[in-house]
Amino acid sequence: MSFLTPPLAGTSLLDAACGTTRRLVFPGDNRPVRALGVDLVFEMLHRGRRHVARPRGTAAADLGALPFPPGRFGVVWCRLAAGHLPRLAPLYRELARVLAPGGRAVVTDFHPEAIRAGHRRIFRDAEGRSHEVTHVVHEPHTHEREAAGAGLAFEARLDYGIGGEVRPFWEKAGALDRWAHDRGLPLLLALRFRR
């Protein structure tokens, strides 16, 4: 997926739905001038602040009402969050609004094919209990239509399939038979747009 991410050096970055801010760490020279993150779940932001050596700029905010002026960022990421939203139009409207002219948005989510094949968004809490997260399936053409309606031009798409690099996750879950069965199934949808 790295080929979808534009260069960050010299730009400003917004991680929309940043969770614990783990993606706001930039080794090497590909470091933005400014990197901010927003997430609606305050507990995720708080956990990130407790577990990082250097606090990062974060705010609790809704993806449909970002607390930034127009044209503030050169790059916006929104990773694995679109499926939490019942409609995509507010998301793309806000991403387009906060992007500077020529800026790029990278949006990823669980692939509709994976959801149709029975994959679910599940996480384990500190006690090891499983919790399923509600997921709304948004087809790739819906992303493209809503982005275009907000003034974003489609640039690239990646359908990232289940392969060897994710095998350890299935192994840890004791589900190697499922991994073998689903190998090659698109798991992640990634899209890049330009303002």
C-alpha atoms as a PDB file:
ATOM      1  CA  MET A   1       0.000   0.000   0.000  1.00  0.00           C
ATOM      2  CA  SER A   2       2.971   2.318   0.386  1.00  0.00           C
ATOM      3  CA  PHE A   3       2.839   3.207  -3.308  1.00  0.00           C
ATOM      4  CA  LEU A   4      -0.521   4.932  -2.656  1.00  0.00           C
ATOM      5  CA  THR A   5       0.951   7.166   0.043  1.00  0.00           C
ATOM      6  CA  PRO A   6       2.338  10.387  -1.396  1.00  0.00           C
ATOM      7  CA  PRO A   7       5.649  11.769  -0.110  1.00  0.00           C
ATOM      8  CA  LEU A   8       5.199  13.403   3.283  1.00  0.00           C
ATOM      9  CA  ALA A   9       8.422  15.410   3.557  1.00  0.00           C
ATOM     10  CA  GLY A  10       7.715  19.126   3.558  1.00  0.00           C
ATOM     11  CA  THR A  11       3.939  18.787   3.834  1.00  0.00           C
ATOM     12  CA  SER A  12       1.329  18.814   6.592  1.00  0.00           C
ATOM     13  CA  LEU A  13      -0.526  15.590   7.412  1.00  0.00           C
ATOM     14  CA  LEU A  14      -3.865  14.820   9.041  1.00  0.00           C
ATOM     15  CA  ASP A  15      -4.518  11.291  10.272  1.00  0.00           C
ATOM     16  CA  ALA A  16      -8.330  11.251  10.361  1.00  0.00           C
ATOM     17  CA  ALA A  17      -9.396   8.432  12.723  1.00  0.00           C
ATOM     18  CA  CYS A  18      -5.890   8.164  14.175  1.00  0.00           C
ATOM     19  CA  GLY A  19      -6.793   5.801  17.027  1.00  0.00           C
ATOM     20  CA  THR A  20      -3.820   5.534  19.371  1.00  0.00           C
ATOM     21  CA  THR A  21      -1.641   7.707  17.053  1.00  0.00           C
ATOM     22  CA  ARG A  22       0.698   4.803  16.233  1.00  0.00           C
ATOM     23  CA  ARG A  23       0.826   5.878  12.562  1.00  0.00           C
ATOM     24  CA  LEU A  24       2.087   9.336  13.517  1.00  0.00           C
ATOM     25  CA  VAL A  25       5.665   8.081  13.849  1.00  0.00           C
ATOM     26  CA  PHE A  26       7.899   8.813  10.861  1.00  0.00           C
ATOM     27  CA  PRO A  27      11.286   7.122  10.614  1.00  0.00           C
ATOM     28  CA  GLY A  28      13.829   8.452   8.150  1.00  0.00           C
ATOM     29  CA  ASP A  29      13.467  11.483   5.932  1.00  0.00           C
ATOM     30  CA  ASN A  30       9.829  11.071   4.888  1.00  0.00           C
ATOM     31  CA  ARG A  31       8.630  13.223   7.777  1.00  0.00           C
ATOM     32  CA  PRO A  32       5.904  15.858   7.445  1.00  0.00           C
ATOM     33  CA  VAL A  33       6.436  19.379   8.722  1.00  0.00           C
ATOM     34  CA  ARG A  34       3.285  19.000  10.828  1.00  0.00           C
ATOM     35  CA  ALA A  35       1.275  15.873  11.696  1.00  0.00           C
ATOM     36  CA  LEU A  36      -2.035  15.979  13.534  1.00  0.00           C
ATOM     37  CA  GLY A  37      -4.554  13.285  14.368  1.00  0.00           C
ATOM     38  CA  VAL A  38      -8.245  13.204  15.180  1.00  0.00           C
ATOM     39  CA  ASP A  39     -10.410  10.398  16.488  1.00  0.00           C
ATOM     40  CA  LEU A  40     -13.949  10.263  17.849  1.00  0.00           C
ATOM     41  CA  VAL A  41     -12.999   7.757  20.566  1.00  0.00           C
ATOM     42  CA  PHE A  42     -11.409   9.691  23.398  1.00  0.00           C
ATOM     43  CA  GLU A  43     -10.173   6.481  25.066  1.00  0.00           C
ATOM     44  CA  MET A  44      -8.059   5.671  21.990  1.00  0.00           C
ATOM     45  CA  LEU A  45      -6.469   9.125  22.038  1.00  0.00           C
ATOM     46  CA  HIS A  46      -5.834   8.844  25.765  1.00  0.00           C
ATOM     47  CA  ARG A  47      -4.202   5.452  25.350  1.00  0.00           C
ATOM     48  CA  GLY A  48      -1.940   6.883  22.660  1.00  0.00           C
ATOM     49  CA  ARG A  49      -0.860   9.717  24.918  1.00  0.00           C
ATOM     50  CA  ARG A  50       0.061   7.229  27.654  1.00  0.00           C
ATOM     51  CA  HIS A  51       2.059   4.948  25.354  1.00  0.00           C
ATOM     52  CA  VAL A  52       4.181   7.320  23.307  1.00  0.00           C
ATOM     53  CA  ALA A  53       7.396   8.959  24.407  1.00  0.00           C
ATOM     54  CA  ARG A  54       6.572  12.273  22.724  1.00  0.00           C
ATOM     55  CA  PRO A  55       2.968  13.570  22.724  1.00  0.00           C
ATOM     56  CA  ARG A  56       1.522  14.261  19.284  1.00  0.00           C
ATOM     57  CA  GLY A  57      -1.061  16.828  18.267  1.00  0.00           C
ATOM     58  CA  THR A  58      -4.446  15.159  18.607  1.00  0.00           C
ATOM     59  CA  ALA A  59      -8.065  16.150  19.044  1.00  0.00           C
ATOM     60  CA  ALA A  60     -11.339  14.351  19.633  1.00  0.00           C
ATOM     61  CA  ALA A  61     -13.462  15.054  16.566  1.00  0.00           C
ATOM     62  CA  ASP A  62     -16.094  13.615  14.249  1.00  0.00           C
ATOM     63  CA  LEU A  63     -14.984  12.787  10.704  1.00  0.00           C
ATOM     64  CA  GLY A  64     -18.007  14.700   9.416  1.00  0.00           C
ATOM     65  CA  ALA A  65     -16.968  17.908  11.208  1.00  0.00           C
ATOM     66  CA  LEU A  66     -13.182  18.257  11.292  1.00  0.00           C
ATOM     67  CA  PRO A  67     -11.954  21.115  13.505  1.00  0.00           C
ATOM     68  CA  PHE A  68      -9.576  22.661  10.967  1.00  0.00           C
ATOM     69  CA  PRO A  69      -9.756  25.553   8.519  1.00  0.00           C
ATOM     70  CA  PRO A  70     -10.048  24.916   4.780  1.00  0.00           C
ATOM     71  CA  GLY A  71      -6.892  23.964   2.900  1.00  0.00           C
ATOM     72  CA  ARG A  72      -4.825  23.182   6.000  1.00  0.00           C
ATOM     73  CA  PHE A  73      -3.248  19.859   4.931  1.00  0.00           C
ATOM     74  CA  GLY A  74      -1.258  18.547   1.994  1.00  0.00           C
ATOM     75  CA  VAL A  75      -2.047  14.911   2.817  1.00  0.00           C
ATOM     76  CA  VAL A  76      -4.965  13.359   4.691  1.00  0.00           C
ATOM     77  CA  TRP A  77      -5.161   9.712   5.708  1.00  0.00           C
ATOM     78  CA  CYS A  78      -8.370   8.017   6.758  1.00  0.00           C
ATOM     79  CA  ARG A  79      -7.531   4.424   7.462  1.00  0.00           C
ATOM     80  CA  LEU A  80      -9.976   1.666   8.365  1.00  0.00           C
ATOM     81  CA  ALA A  81     -12.713   4.081   9.467  1.00  0.00           C
ATOM     82  CA  ALA A  82     -15.098   4.542   6.515  1.00  0.00           C
ATOM     83  CA  GLY A  83     -16.949   1.342   7.420  1.00  0.00           C
ATOM     84  CA  HIS A  84     -17.925   2.879  10.757  1.00  0.00           C
ATOM     85  CA  LEU A  85     -19.917   5.549   8.913  1.00  0.00           C
ATOM     86  CA  PRO A  86     -23.451   5.055   7.601  1.00  0.00           C
ATOM     87  CA  ARG A  87     -22.807   7.511   4.739  1.00  0.00           C
ATOM     88  CA  LEU A  88     -19.598   8.528   2.970  1.00  0.00           C
ATOM     89  CA  ALA A  89     -20.637  11.971   1.698  1.00  0.00           C
ATOM     90  CA  PRO A  90     -19.866  13.851   4.979  1.00  0.00           C
ATOM     91  CA  LEU A  91     -16.450  12.178   5.202  1.00  0.00           C
ATOM     92  CA  TYR A  92     -15.388  13.079   1.669  1.00  0.00           C
ATOM     93  CA  ARG A  93     -16.817  16.592   1.969  1.00  0.00           C
ATOM     94  CA  GLU A  94     -14.622  17.204   5.034  1.00  0.00           C
ATOM     95  CA  LEU A  95     -11.517  15.564   3.568  1.00  0.00           C
ATOM     96  CA  ALA A  96     -11.837  17.773   0.476  1.00  0.00           C
ATOM     97  CA  ARG A  97     -12.434  20.873   2.601  1.00  0.00           C
ATOM     98  CA  VAL A  98      -9.299  20.495   4.749  1.00  0.00           C
ATOM     99  CA  LEU A  99      -7.038  19.517   1.826  1.00  0.00           C
ATOM    100  CA  ALA A 100      -4.977  22.208   0.138  1.00  0.00           C
ATOM    101  CA  PRO A 101      -5.285  22.478  -3.660  1.00  0.00           C
ATOM    102  CA  GLY A 102      -3.237  19.636  -5.126  1.00  0.00           C
ATOM    103  CA  GLY A 103      -3.388  17.766  -1.792  1.00  0.00           C
ATOM    104  CA  ARG A 104      -4.050  14.052  -1.630  1.00  0.00           C
ATOM    105  CA  ALA A 105      -6.379  11.891   0.439  1.00  0.00           C
ATOM    106  CA  VAL A 106      -5.697   8.199   1.065  1.00  0.00           C
ATOM    107  CA  VAL A 107      -8.722   6.242   2.299  1.00  0.00           C
ATOM    108  CA  THR A 108      -8.614   2.577   3.290  1.00  0.00           C
ATOM    109  CA  ASP A 109     -11.168   0.176   4.682  1.00  0.00           C
ATOM    110  CA  PHE A 110     -11.962  -3.499   4.879  1.00  0.00           C
ATOM    111  CA  HIS A 111     -12.760  -4.756   1.420  1.00  0.00           C
ATOM    112  CA  PRO A 112     -16.423  -5.488   0.626  1.00  0.00           C
ATOM    113  CA  GLU A 113     -15.374  -8.900  -0.758  1.00  0.00           C
ATOM    114  CA  ALA A 114     -13.888  -9.868   2.617  1.00  0.00           C
ATOM    115  CA  ILE A 115     -17.063  -8.845   4.441  1.00  0.00           C
ATOM    116  CA  ARG A 116     -19.189 -10.832   1.974  1.00  0.00           C
ATOM    117  CA  ALA A 117     -16.910 -13.852   2.544  1.00  0.00           C
ATOM    118  CA  GLY A 118     -17.734 -13.745   6.243  1.00  0.00           C
ATOM    119  CA  HIS A 119     -14.868 -11.731   7.696  1.00  0.00           C
ATOM    120  CA  ARG A 120     -15.875  -9.510  10.611  1.00  0.00           C
ATOM    121  CA  ARG A 121     -14.308  -6.572  12.415  1.00  0.00           C
ATOM    122  CA  ILE A 122     -13.467  -8.028  15.809  1.00  0.00           C
ATOM    123  CA  PHE A 123     -11.129  -6.883  18.557  1.00  0.00           C
ATOM    124  CA  ARG A 124     -10.152  -8.349  21.902  1.00  0.00           C
ATOM    125  CA  ASP A 125     -10.261  -6.304  25.086  1.00  0.00           C
ATOM    126  CA  ALA A 126      -7.681  -6.420  27.892  1.00  0.00           C
ATOM    127  CA  GLU A 127      -9.419  -9.479  29.376  1.00  0.00           C
ATOM    128  CA  GLY A 128      -9.297 -11.347  26.053  1.00  0.00           C
ATOM    129  CA  ARG A 129     -13.031 -11.066  25.294  1.00  0.00           C
ATOM    130  CA  SER A 130     -13.982 -10.659  21.638  1.00  0.00           C
ATOM    131  CA  HIS A 131     -16.145  -7.757  20.484  1.00  0.00           C
ATOM    132  CA  GLU A 132     -17.558  -7.325  17.001  1.00  0.00           C
ATOM    133  CA  VAL A 133     -17.601  -3.793  15.603  1.00  0.00           C
ATOM    134  CA  THR A 134     -20.490  -2.733  13.382  1.00  0.00           C
ATOM    135  CA  HIS A 135     -19.377  -2.364   9.785  1.00  0.00           C
ATOM    136  CA  VAL A 136     -21.217  -0.679   6.922  1.00  0.00           C
ATOM    137  CA  VAL A 137     -20.194  -2.022   3.519  1.00  0.00           C
ATOM    138  CA  HIS A 138     -19.328   0.737   1.050  1.00  0.00           C
ATOM    139  CA  GLU A 139     -18.555  -0.429  -2.471  1.00  0.00           C
ATOM    140  CA  PRO A 140     -15.524   1.041  -4.298  1.00  0.00           C
ATOM    141  CA  HIS A 141     -17.761   2.861  -6.784  1.00  0.00           C
ATOM    142  CA  THR A 142     -19.589   4.510  -3.854  1.00  0.00           C
ATOM    143  CA  HIS A 143     -16.275   5.853  -2.513  1.00  0.00           C
ATOM    144  CA  GLU A 144     -15.377   7.172  -5.952  1.00  0.00           C
ATOM    145  CA  ARG A 145     -18.805   8.764  -6.489  1.00  0.00           C
ATOM    146  CA  GLU A 146     -18.880  10.514  -3.107  1.00  0.00           C
ATOM    147  CA  ALA A 147     -15.281  11.691  -3.468  1.00  0.00           C
ATOM    148  CA  ALA A 148     -16.041  13.125  -6.921  1.00  0.00           C
ATOM    149  CA  GLY A 149     -19.124  14.861  -5.510  1.00  0.00           C
ATOM    150  CA  ALA A 150     -16.879  16.549  -2.941  1.00  0.00           C
ATOM    151  CA  GLY A 151     -14.437  17.732  -5.621  1.00  0.00           C
ATOM    152  CA  LEU A 152     -11.788  15.016  -5.299  1.00  0.00           C
ATOM    153  CA  ALA A 153     -10.333  13.365  -8.401  1.00  0.00           C
ATOM    154  CA  PHE A 154      -9.679   9.618  -8.326  1.00  0.00           C
ATOM    155  CA  GLU A 155      -5.992   8.708  -8.791  1.00  0.00           C
ATOM    156  CA  ALA A 156      -5.386   5.099  -7.771  1.00  0.00           C
ATOM    157  CA  ARG A 157      -6.904   2.000  -6.202  1.00  0.00           C
ATOM    158  CA  LEU A 158      -5.416  -1.088  -4.578  1.00  0.00           C
ATOM    159  CA  ASP A 159      -7.296  -4.275  -3.688  1.00  0.00           C
ATOM    160  CA  TYR A 160      -4.918  -5.775  -1.143  1.00  0.00           C
ATOM    161  CA  GLY A 161      -5.373  -9.541  -0.841  1.00  0.00           C
ATOM    162  CA  ILE A 162      -4.746 -12.011   1.957  1.00  0.00           C
ATOM    163  CA  GLY A 163      -1.194 -13.283   1.539  1.00  0.00           C
ATOM    164  CA  GLY A 164       1.875 -14.471   3.377  1.00  0.00           C
ATOM    165  CA  GLU A 165       2.562 -11.178   5.133  1.00  0.00           C
ATOM    166  CA  VAL A 166      -0.671 -11.450   7.172  1.00  0.00           C
ATOM    167  CA  ARG A 167      -0.339 -15.181   7.895  1.00  0.00           C
ATOM    168  CA  PRO A 168       1.006 -14.554  11.449  1.00  0.00           C
ATOM    169  CA  PHE A 169      -2.301 -12.891  12.428  1.00  0.00           C
ATOM    170  CA  TRP A 170      -4.280 -15.989  11.385  1.00  0.00           C
ATOM    171  CA  GLU A 171      -1.707 -18.223  13.079  1.00  0.00           C
ATOM    172  CA  LYS A 172      -1.984 -16.276  16.343  1.00  0.00           C
ATOM    173  CA  ALA A 173      -5.780 -16.644  16.181  1.00  0.00           C
ATOM    174  CA  GLY A 174      -5.456 -20.393  15.559  1.00  0.00           C
ATOM    175  CA  ALA A 175      -7.091 -20.001  12.140  1.00  0.00           C
ATOM    176  CA  LEU A 176      -4.471 -21.149   9.623  1.00  0.00           C
ATOM    177  CA  ASP A 177      -7.078 -23.291   7.871  1.00  0.00           C
ATOM    178  CA  ARG A 178      -9.145 -20.117   7.258  1.00  0.00           C
ATOM    179  CA  TRP A 179      -6.025 -18.286   6.029  1.00  0.00           C
ATOM    180  CA  ALA A 180      -5.329 -21.065   3.520  1.00  0.00           C
ATOM    181  CA  HIS A 181      -8.958 -21.033   2.370  1.00  0.00           C
ATOM    182  CA  ASP A 182      -9.084 -17.234   1.948  1.00  0.00           C
ATOM    183  CA  ARG A 183      -5.612 -16.695   0.517  1.00  0.00           C
ATOM    184  CA  GLY A 184      -5.874 -14.164  -2.312  1.00  0.00           C
ATOM    185  CA  LEU A 185      -9.264 -12.816  -1.156  1.00  0.00           C
ATOM    186  CA  PRO A 186      -9.242  -8.987  -1.192  1.00  0.00           C
ATOM    187  CA  LEU A 187      -8.990  -7.897   2.447  1.00  0.00           C
ATOM    188  CA  LEU A 188      -8.230  -4.186   2.191  1.00  0.00           C
ATOM    189  CA  LEU A 189      -9.532  -1.537  -0.184  1.00  0.00           C
ATOM    190  CA  ALA A 190      -7.222   1.460  -0.604  1.00  0.00           C
ATOM    191  CA  LEU A 191      -8.024   4.558  -2.670  1.00  0.00           C
ATOM    192  CA  ARG A 192      -6.127   7.765  -3.393  1.00  0.00           C
ATOM    193  CA  PHE A 193      -7.727  11.034  -4.452  1.00  0.00           C
ATOM    194  CA  ARG A 194      -6.422  14.491  -5.354  1.00  0.00           C
ATOM    195  CA  ARG A 195      -7.991  17.867  -4.704  1.00  0.00           C
END
